[in-house]
């Protein structure tokens, strides 16, 4: 129901662009290129230089994504969210376009010229924004996983550190019927001695328990 030739061709190109965008082989081609060649670029927002001092290393940043560390990715995304930086990513647009055209251009005629326009439009308008979002989300997921791993390792070291530093300690696990478990540790946290005392009912061996503790403190220089 359209009379104008250009409108008809434009509608046909839109249909082709959608089909190209939904083609899994085409999307994987673009995805592979982005995984190999993505560049991350950042620039400070004008007037935010002082406010964003802590992000000054990224005021004019340009580096391949695969060489960006997890803390760099997370810092850039935080700065972008705080509207201190503008971030953009790019890949080998020319190489991607040529590969897509080879996939979809099957002849050299007037129809092929229309298909070429449709493929280029599909890449720029549909595929590229989608893959860029996908690439950034994957990079953030990897960075989050790495940050969590580092945090967990640091926390583990804190939890296993001797609570009083490099000192010999005596620890008691309170108990009534089953007694109090006593352990002596050296200044590295290694076990030196363990036994059980019974200062509470029903045994009520308070004097013996006191004597045992005194001897342990002296013997192991607690």
Protein backbone atom coordinates (compact mmCIF):
# COMPACT_ATOMS: atom_id res chain seq x y z
CA UNK A 1 0.00 0.00 0.00
CA UNK A 2 3.03 2.31 -0.33
CA UNK A 3 3.46 4.29 -3.52
CA UNK A 4 6.89 5.87 -3.06
CA UNK A 5 9.75 3.66 -4.25
CA UNK A 6 12.19 4.93 -1.60
CA UNK A 7 9.72 4.16 1.19
CA UNK A 8 9.30 0.65 -0.18
CA UNK A 9 13.07 0.13 -0.31
CA UNK A 10 13.48 1.58 3.18
CA UNK A 11 10.88 -0.86 4.52
CA UNK A 12 12.61 -3.76 2.78
CA UNK A 13 15.97 -2.69 4.25
CA UNK A 14 14.43 -2.56 7.72
CA UNK A 15 13.16 -6.13 7.32
CA UNK A 16 16.60 -7.31 6.16
CA UNK A 17 18.31 -5.41 9.00
CA UNK A 18 16.11 -7.22 11.53
CA UNK A 19 16.91 -10.60 9.97
CA UNK A 20 20.65 -9.86 10.01
CA UNK A 21 20.40 -8.78 13.65
CA UNK A 22 18.66 -12.03 14.58
CA UNK A 23 21.16 -14.21 12.70
CA UNK A 24 23.19 -16.13 15.31
CA UNK A 25 26.19 -16.55 13.03
CA UNK A 26 26.33 -12.79 12.46
CA UNK A 27 26.00 -12.00 16.16
CA UNK A 28 28.73 -14.51 17.06
CA UNK A 29 31.01 -12.95 14.46
CA UNK A 30 30.56 -9.53 16.08
CA UNK A 31 30.89 -11.00 19.57
CA UNK A 32 34.18 -12.71 18.70
CA UNK A 33 35.60 -9.48 17.30
CA UNK A 34 34.64 -7.54 20.41
CA UNK A 35 36.21 -10.17 22.67
CA UNK A 36 39.51 -9.80 20.78
CA UNK A 37 39.69 -6.13 19.87
CA UNK A 38 37.52 -4.09 22.27
CA UNK A 39 39.04 -0.79 23.36
CA UNK A 40 37.84 1.02 26.47
CA UNK A 41 38.00 4.80 26.35
CA UNK A 42 37.10 7.22 29.13
CA UNK A 43 37.03 10.98 29.42
CA UNK A 44 36.30 13.21 32.37
CA UNK A 45 33.02 15.14 32.24
CA UNK A 46 33.76 18.83 31.85
CA UNK A 47 33.63 20.59 35.21
CA UNK A 48 33.94 17.34 37.21
CA UNK A 49 37.75 17.34 37.47
CA UNK A 50 37.89 18.44 41.10
CA UNK A 51 34.92 16.36 42.24
CA UNK A 52 36.35 13.25 40.59
CA UNK A 53 39.94 13.56 41.77
CA UNK A 54 40.01 9.95 42.97
CA UNK A 55 39.37 8.87 39.37
CA UNK A 56 42.10 11.07 37.82
CA UNK A 57 43.91 8.01 36.42
CA UNK A 58 40.92 7.54 34.11
CA UNK A 59 40.41 11.15 32.96
CA UNK A 60 41.94 10.23 29.58
CA UNK A 61 42.07 6.43 29.53
CA UNK A 62 42.46 4.26 26.45
CA UNK A 63 43.25 0.55 26.80
CA UNK A 64 42.22 -2.85 25.37
CA UNK A 65 39.48 -4.37 27.49
CA UNK A 66 41.33 -7.69 27.86
CA UNK A 67 44.22 -5.82 29.52
CA UNK A 68 42.01 -3.96 32.01
CA UNK A 69 42.21 -5.31 35.56
CA UNK A 70 39.10 -5.95 37.64
CA UNK A 71 39.69 -2.90 39.85
CA UNK A 72 40.04 -0.69 36.75
CA UNK A 73 36.75 -1.94 35.30
CA UNK A 74 34.89 -1.44 38.57
CA UNK A 75 36.41 2.02 39.13
CA UNK A 76 35.44 3.16 35.62
CA UNK A 77 31.87 1.88 36.02
CA UNK A 78 31.56 3.62 39.41
CA UNK A 79 32.87 6.87 37.96
CA UNK A 80 30.44 6.61 35.07
CA UNK A 81 27.54 6.03 37.47
CA UNK A 82 28.63 9.06 39.49
CA UNK A 83 28.68 11.03 36.20
CA UNK A 84 32.37 11.87 36.58
CA UNK A 85 33.47 9.96 33.46
CA UNK A 86 32.07 9.17 30.06
CA UNK A 87 32.96 5.69 28.90
CA UNK A 88 32.81 4.27 25.39
CA UNK A 89 33.96 1.00 23.88
CA UNK A 90 34.85 0.23 20.30
CA UNK A 91 36.06 -2.64 18.18
CA UNK A 92 37.21 -3.25 14.60
CA UNK A 93 34.12 -1.76 12.93
CA UNK A 94 35.61 -1.90 9.45
CA UNK A 95 36.65 -5.54 9.75
CA UNK A 96 33.29 -6.53 11.25
CA UNK A 97 31.36 -4.76 8.48
CA UNK A 98 33.42 -6.43 5.76
CA UNK A 99 32.86 -9.86 7.31
CA UNK A 100 29.10 -9.28 7.59
CA UNK A 101 28.89 -8.10 3.98
CA UNK A 102 30.72 -11.22 2.80
CA UNK A 103 28.18 -13.31 4.69
CA UNK A 104 25.06 -11.61 3.29
CA UNK A 105 26.01 -10.16 -0.11
CA UNK A 106 25.58 -12.99 -2.59
CA UNK A 107 25.65 -11.08 -5.91
CA UNK A 108 26.75 -7.82 -7.51
CA UNK A 109 23.57 -6.08 -8.64
CA UNK A 110 21.15 -3.35 -7.60
CA UNK A 111 19.54 -5.56 -4.96
CA UNK A 112 22.97 -6.22 -3.47
CA UNK A 113 23.49 -2.49 -2.95
CA UNK A 114 20.26 -2.32 -0.95
CA UNK A 115 21.27 -5.37 1.10
CA UNK A 116 24.63 -3.70 1.80
CA UNK A 117 22.87 -0.64 3.23
CA UNK A 118 20.64 -2.90 5.32
CA UNK A 119 23.59 -4.90 6.73
CA UNK A 120 25.53 -1.76 7.68
CA UNK A 121 22.39 -0.30 9.29
CA UNK A 122 21.77 -3.57 11.15
CA UNK A 123 25.28 -3.57 12.58
CA UNK A 124 25.33 0.09 13.63
CA UNK A 125 21.75 0.36 14.89
CA UNK A 126 20.92 -3.10 16.23
CA UNK A 127 23.84 -5.51 16.69
CA UNK A 128 26.58 -3.15 17.88
CA UNK A 129 24.68 -1.57 20.83
CA UNK A 130 23.47 -5.00 21.93
CA UNK A 131 26.92 -6.63 21.84
CA UNK A 132 28.55 -3.63 23.54
CA UNK A 133 26.09 -3.94 26.44
CA UNK A 134 26.76 -7.69 26.58
CA UNK A 135 30.55 -7.17 26.60
CA UNK A 136 30.41 -4.58 29.40
CA UNK A 137 28.10 -6.77 31.49
CA UNK A 138 30.43 -9.76 31.09
CA UNK A 139 33.45 -7.64 32.02
CA UNK A 140 31.64 -6.39 35.11
CA UNK A 141 30.65 -9.93 36.12
CA UNK A 142 34.27 -11.10 35.79
CA UNK A 143 35.50 -8.06 37.75
CA UNK A 144 32.92 -8.67 40.49
CA UNK A 145 33.96 -12.32 40.77
CA UNK A 146 37.63 -11.36 41.04
CA UNK A 147 36.89 -8.65 43.63
CA UNK A 148 34.90 -11.14 45.71
CA UNK A 149 37.71 -13.69 45.45
CA UNK A 150 40.30 -11.17 46.65
CA UNK A 151 38.02 -9.96 49.44
CA UNK A 152 37.37 -13.54 50.55
CA UNK A 153 41.09 -14.32 50.62
CA UNK A 154 41.83 -11.17 52.63
CA UNK A 155 39.02 -11.99 55.05
CA UNK A 156 40.31 -15.54 55.43
CA UNK A 157 43.75 -14.23 56.39
CA UNK A 158 42.16 -11.94 58.97
CA UNK A 159 40.05 -14.74 60.44
CA UNK A 160 42.95 -17.16 60.82
CA UNK A 161 45.32 -14.56 62.25
CA UNK A 162 46.17 -15.00 65.98
CA UNK A 163 43.68 -12.75 67.87
CA UNK A 164 46.35 -11.32 70.18
CA UNK A 165 49.12 -11.20 67.63
CA UNK A 166 52.36 -13.14 68.13
CA UNK A 167 51.62 -14.36 71.65
CA UNK A 168 51.17 -17.73 73.32
CA UNK A 169 47.58 -18.17 74.39
CA UNK A 170 45.41 -20.47 76.46
CA UNK A 171 41.83 -20.98 75.37
CA UNK A 172 38.93 -22.46 77.31
CA UNK A 173 35.72 -23.88 75.87
CA UNK A 174 33.22 -23.73 78.79
CA UNK A 175 31.25 -26.78 79.75
CA UNK A 176 29.45 -28.13 82.85
CA UNK A 177 28.74 -31.85 82.80
CA UNK A 178 31.38 -32.58 80.15
CA UNK A 179 33.97 -30.21 81.65
CA UNK A 180 35.90 -27.27 80.18
CA UNK A 181 38.18 -28.03 77.25
CA UNK A 182 41.54 -26.28 77.59
CA UNK A 183 44.09 -25.74 74.82
CA UNK A 184 47.50 -24.07 74.74
CA UNK A 185 48.73 -22.49 71.49
CA UNK A 186 52.15 -21.17 70.53
CA UNK A 187 52.69 -17.73 69.02
CA UNK A 188 51.94 -19.11 65.54
CA UNK A 189 48.60 -20.56 66.61
CA UNK A 190 49.86 -24.17 66.65
CA UNK A 191 48.47 -26.57 69.26
CA UNK A 192 50.86 -27.32 72.13
CA UNK A 193 48.60 -29.05 74.65
CA UNK A 194 44.97 -29.91 75.35
CA UNK A 195 43.09 -31.40 78.29
CA UNK A 196 39.81 -31.04 80.20
CA UNK A 197 39.14 -29.54 83.63
CA UNK A 198 36.00 -29.94 85.78
CA UNK A 199 35.46 -26.87 87.98
CA UNK A 200 31.64 -27.05 87.87
CA UNK A 201 29.06 -29.45 89.34
CA UNK A 202 28.64 -32.35 89.39
CA UNK A 203 32.43 -32.88 89.63
CA UNK A 204 33.22 -29.47 91.25
CA UNK A 205 36.99 -30.00 91.09
CA UNK A 206 37.77 -26.31 91.46
CA UNK A 207 41.13 -26.59 93.24
CA UNK A 208 42.39 -29.17 90.77
CA UNK A 209 41.21 -27.04 87.85
CA UNK A 210 42.95 -23.94 89.28
CA UNK A 211 46.16 -25.87 89.81
CA UNK A 212 46.05 -27.27 86.28
CA UNK A 213 45.62 -23.82 84.76
CA UNK A 214 48.53 -22.38 86.80
CA UNK A 215 50.81 -25.23 85.72
CA UNK A 216 49.86 -24.81 82.05
CA UNK A 217 50.47 -21.04 82.15
CA UNK A 218 53.93 -21.61 83.65
CA UNK A 219 54.86 -24.62 81.54
CA UNK A 220 53.94 -23.05 78.17
CA UNK A 221 54.80 -19.45 79.07
CA UNK A 222 51.30 -18.24 78.33
